[in-house]
Amino acid sequence: ALKVITSCSKRGFKALVLQYVPLASLEVCLHSGGHHLNLFQRLDVMIDVAYALEYLHHGNSKIIVHCDLKP
């Protein structure tokens, strides 16, 4: 499980810091033999990520900084 290091929610500022996972990516998780996600579950993950990115970039007037997002 991914560990949440800390979070902060103040007026005009929200942050969530997650554990760094070396040598792992969503792509690896989706295509590794140890994870058994069917096609619909994989599509749900992709849609959720797309909605989150759309909100970060267009659903808020504040500047959002995110890291480690790769296709």
N, C-alpha and C. Protein backbone atom coordinates (compact mmCIF):
# COMPACT_ATOMS: atom_id res chain seq x y z
N ALA A 1 0.84 -1.19 0.00
CA ALA A 1 0.00 0.00 0.00
C ALA A 1 0.88 1.25 0.00
N LEU A 2 0.40 2.26 -0.65
CA LEU A 2 1.11 3.53 -0.74
C LEU A 2 0.89 4.31 0.55
N LYS A 3 1.96 4.80 1.12
CA LYS A 3 1.89 5.52 2.39
C LYS A 3 1.73 7.02 2.16
N VAL A 4 0.79 7.63 2.88
CA VAL A 4 0.64 9.08 2.86
C VAL A 4 1.60 9.63 3.91
N ILE A 5 2.55 10.48 3.47
CA ILE A 5 3.53 11.05 4.38
C ILE A 5 2.89 12.17 5.21
N THR A 6 2.24 13.09 4.53
CA THR A 6 1.55 14.17 5.22
C THR A 6 0.53 14.81 4.29
N SER A 7 -0.35 15.56 4.86
CA SER A 7 -1.32 16.32 4.07
C SER A 7 -1.55 17.66 4.75
N CYS A 8 -2.00 18.61 3.96
CA CYS A 8 -2.24 19.94 4.49
C CYS A 8 -3.43 20.54 3.74
N SER A 9 -4.32 21.14 4.47
CA SER A 9 -5.45 21.82 3.84
C SER A 9 -5.71 23.10 4.61
N LYS A 10 -5.31 24.19 4.01
CA LYS A 10 -5.53 25.50 4.59
C LYS A 10 -6.24 26.35 3.55
N ARG A 11 -6.72 27.47 3.95
CA ARG A 11 -7.39 28.37 3.02
C ARG A 11 -6.48 28.65 1.82
N GLY A 12 -6.94 28.25 0.65
CA GLY A 12 -6.20 28.52 -0.57
C GLY A 12 -5.02 27.60 -0.84
N PHE A 13 -4.82 26.58 0.00
CA PHE A 13 -3.68 25.68 -0.20
C PHE A 13 -4.04 24.27 0.23
N LYS A 14 -3.80 23.33 -0.64
CA LYS A 14 -4.00 21.92 -0.31
C LYS A 14 -2.79 21.15 -0.83
N ALA A 15 -2.33 20.21 -0.04
CA ALA A 15 -1.19 19.40 -0.45
C ALA A 15 -1.33 17.99 0.10
N LEU A 16 -0.83 17.05 -0.66
CA LEU A 16 -0.79 15.66 -0.26
C LEU A 16 0.57 15.13 -0.67
N VAL A 17 1.35 14.65 0.28
CA VAL A 17 2.68 14.12 0.00
C VAL A 17 2.63 12.61 0.20
N LEU A 18 2.94 11.90 -0.87
CA LEU A 18 2.89 10.44 -0.84
C LEU A 18 4.29 9.85 -0.83
N GLN A 19 4.37 8.65 -0.36
CA GLN A 19 5.62 7.90 -0.32
C GLN A 19 6.17 7.76 -1.74
N TYR A 20 7.47 7.93 -1.88
CA TYR A 20 8.13 7.69 -3.17
C TYR A 20 8.29 6.19 -3.35
N VAL A 21 7.92 5.70 -4.50
CA VAL A 21 8.04 4.28 -4.79
C VAL A 21 9.04 4.12 -5.92
N PRO A 22 10.29 3.73 -5.61
CA PRO A 22 11.31 3.60 -6.65
C PRO A 22 10.99 2.45 -7.60
N LEU A 23 11.29 2.67 -8.85
CA LEU A 23 11.14 1.66 -9.89
C LEU A 23 9.72 1.14 -10.04
N ALA A 24 8.76 1.96 -9.67
CA ALA A 24 7.37 1.55 -9.86
C ALA A 24 6.62 2.67 -10.56
N SER A 25 5.68 2.28 -11.35
CA SER A 25 4.84 3.25 -12.02
C SER A 25 3.47 2.62 -12.21
N LEU A 26 2.52 3.45 -12.55
CA LEU A 26 1.19 2.91 -12.83
C LEU A 26 1.27 1.91 -13.98
N GLU A 27 2.11 2.23 -14.97
CA GLU A 27 2.27 1.33 -16.11
C GLU A 27 2.76 -0.04 -15.65
N VAL A 28 3.76 -0.06 -14.77
CA VAL A 28 4.29 -1.33 -14.27
C VAL A 28 3.21 -2.08 -13.49
N CYS A 29 2.48 -1.35 -12.66
CA CYS A 29 1.42 -1.99 -11.87
C CYS A 29 0.33 -2.57 -12.76
N LEU A 30 -0.02 -1.85 -13.81
CA LEU A 30 -1.08 -2.31 -14.69
C LEU A 30 -0.65 -3.48 -15.55
N HIS A 31 0.64 -3.60 -15.84
CA HIS A 31 1.11 -4.63 -16.75
C HIS A 31 1.90 -5.75 -16.07
N SER A 32 2.06 -5.68 -14.76
CA SER A 32 2.82 -6.74 -14.08
C SER A 32 1.92 -7.96 -13.86
N GLY A 33 2.56 -9.07 -13.77
CA GLY A 33 1.81 -10.31 -13.58
C GLY A 33 1.19 -10.44 -12.20
N GLY A 34 1.68 -9.69 -11.22
CA GLY A 34 1.18 -9.81 -9.86
C GLY A 34 -0.14 -9.11 -9.61
N HIS A 35 -0.53 -8.21 -10.51
CA HIS A 35 -1.78 -7.49 -10.36
C HIS A 35 -2.78 -8.03 -11.37
N HIS A 36 -3.93 -8.38 -10.90
CA HIS A 36 -4.93 -8.98 -11.78
C HIS A 36 -6.10 -8.02 -11.95
N LEU A 37 -5.90 -7.02 -12.78
CA LEU A 37 -6.97 -6.08 -13.10
C LEU A 37 -7.52 -6.43 -14.47
N ASN A 38 -8.82 -6.52 -14.55
CA ASN A 38 -9.40 -6.79 -15.87
C ASN A 38 -9.44 -5.49 -16.67
N LEU A 39 -9.84 -5.59 -17.92
CA LEU A 39 -9.83 -4.44 -18.81
C LEU A 39 -10.66 -3.29 -18.26
N PHE A 40 -11.82 -3.56 -17.69
CA PHE A 40 -12.68 -2.51 -17.18
C PHE A 40 -12.07 -1.82 -15.96
N GLN A 41 -11.41 -2.57 -15.10
CA GLN A 41 -10.72 -1.98 -13.95
C GLN A 41 -9.58 -1.08 -14.42
N ARG A 42 -8.85 -1.52 -15.43
CA ARG A 42 -7.75 -0.72 -15.99
C ARG A 42 -8.29 0.57 -16.60
N LEU A 43 -9.40 0.47 -17.31
CA LEU A 43 -10.02 1.67 -17.89
C LEU A 43 -10.49 2.62 -16.79
N ASP A 44 -11.03 2.08 -15.70
CA ASP A 44 -11.45 2.92 -14.57
C ASP A 44 -10.27 3.71 -14.00
N VAL A 45 -9.11 3.05 -13.87
CA VAL A 45 -7.91 3.73 -13.37
C VAL A 45 -7.52 4.86 -14.32
N MET A 46 -7.51 4.58 -15.62
CA MET A 46 -7.12 5.61 -16.59
C MET A 46 -8.09 6.79 -16.57
N ILE A 47 -9.37 6.51 -16.49
CA ILE A 47 -10.38 7.57 -16.46
C ILE A 47 -10.24 8.40 -15.19
N ASP A 48 -10.02 7.76 -14.04
CA ASP A 48 -9.84 8.49 -12.78
C ASP A 48 -8.62 9.41 -12.84
N VAL A 49 -7.52 8.92 -13.39
CA VAL A 49 -6.32 9.75 -13.52
C VAL A 49 -6.59 10.92 -14.46
N ALA A 50 -7.28 10.67 -15.56
CA ALA A 50 -7.59 11.75 -16.51
C ALA A 50 -8.49 12.81 -15.86
N TYR A 51 -9.49 12.39 -15.09
CA TYR A 51 -10.35 13.35 -14.39
C TYR A 51 -9.55 14.16 -13.37
N ALA A 52 -8.66 13.51 -12.66
CA ALA A 52 -7.84 14.21 -11.66
C ALA A 52 -6.95 15.25 -12.33
N LEU A 53 -6.32 14.89 -13.43
CA LEU A 53 -5.46 15.85 -14.15
C LEU A 53 -6.28 16.99 -14.73
N GLU A 54 -7.46 16.69 -15.25
CA GLU A 54 -8.31 17.74 -15.79
C GLU A 54 -8.69 18.73 -14.70
N TYR A 55 -9.04 18.22 -13.51
CA TYR A 55 -9.37 19.10 -12.40
C TYR A 55 -8.17 19.93 -11.98
N LEU A 56 -7.00 19.30 -11.87
CA LEU A 56 -5.81 20.04 -11.45
C LEU A 56 -5.48 21.18 -12.40
N HIS A 57 -5.69 20.97 -13.68
CA HIS A 57 -5.30 21.97 -14.67
C HIS A 57 -6.41 22.95 -15.03
N HIS A 58 -7.68 22.55 -14.88
CA HIS A 58 -8.76 23.41 -15.35
C HIS A 58 -9.85 23.66 -14.31
N GLY A 59 -9.91 22.89 -13.26
CA GLY A 59 -11.00 23.00 -12.30
C GLY A 59 -10.70 23.91 -11.13
N ASN A 60 -9.55 24.56 -11.17
CA ASN A 60 -9.12 25.37 -10.05
C ASN A 60 -8.35 26.56 -10.59
N SER A 61 -8.58 27.71 -10.02
CA SER A 61 -7.87 28.91 -10.50
C SER A 61 -6.46 29.01 -9.90
N LYS A 62 -6.16 28.19 -8.92
CA LYS A 62 -4.83 28.21 -8.30
C LYS A 62 -3.85 27.40 -9.14
N ILE A 63 -2.59 27.73 -9.03
CA ILE A 63 -1.54 26.97 -9.71
C ILE A 63 -1.32 25.67 -8.95
N ILE A 64 -1.34 24.59 -9.69
CA ILE A 64 -1.14 23.27 -9.10
C ILE A 64 0.18 22.71 -9.61
N VAL A 65 0.99 22.19 -8.70
CA VAL A 65 2.25 21.57 -9.07
C VAL A 65 2.14 20.08 -8.76
N HIS A 66 2.39 19.27 -9.74
CA HIS A 66 2.43 17.83 -9.52
C HIS A 66 3.71 17.29 -10.14
N CYS A 67 4.14 16.17 -9.61
CA CYS A 67 5.39 15.57 -10.09
C CYS A 67 5.15 14.12 -10.46
N ASP A 68 6.10 13.58 -11.17
CA ASP A 68 6.15 12.15 -11.45
C ASP A 68 4.92 11.62 -12.18
N LEU A 69 4.35 12.42 -13.07
CA LEU A 69 3.28 11.93 -13.93
C LEU A 69 3.85 11.68 -15.31
N LYS A 70 3.76 10.44 -15.73
CA LYS A 70 4.32 10.05 -17.02
C LYS A 70 3.25 9.28 -17.79
N PRO A 71 3.29 9.37 -19.11
CA PRO A 71 2.31 8.59 -19.89
C PRO A 71 2.56 7.10 -19.79
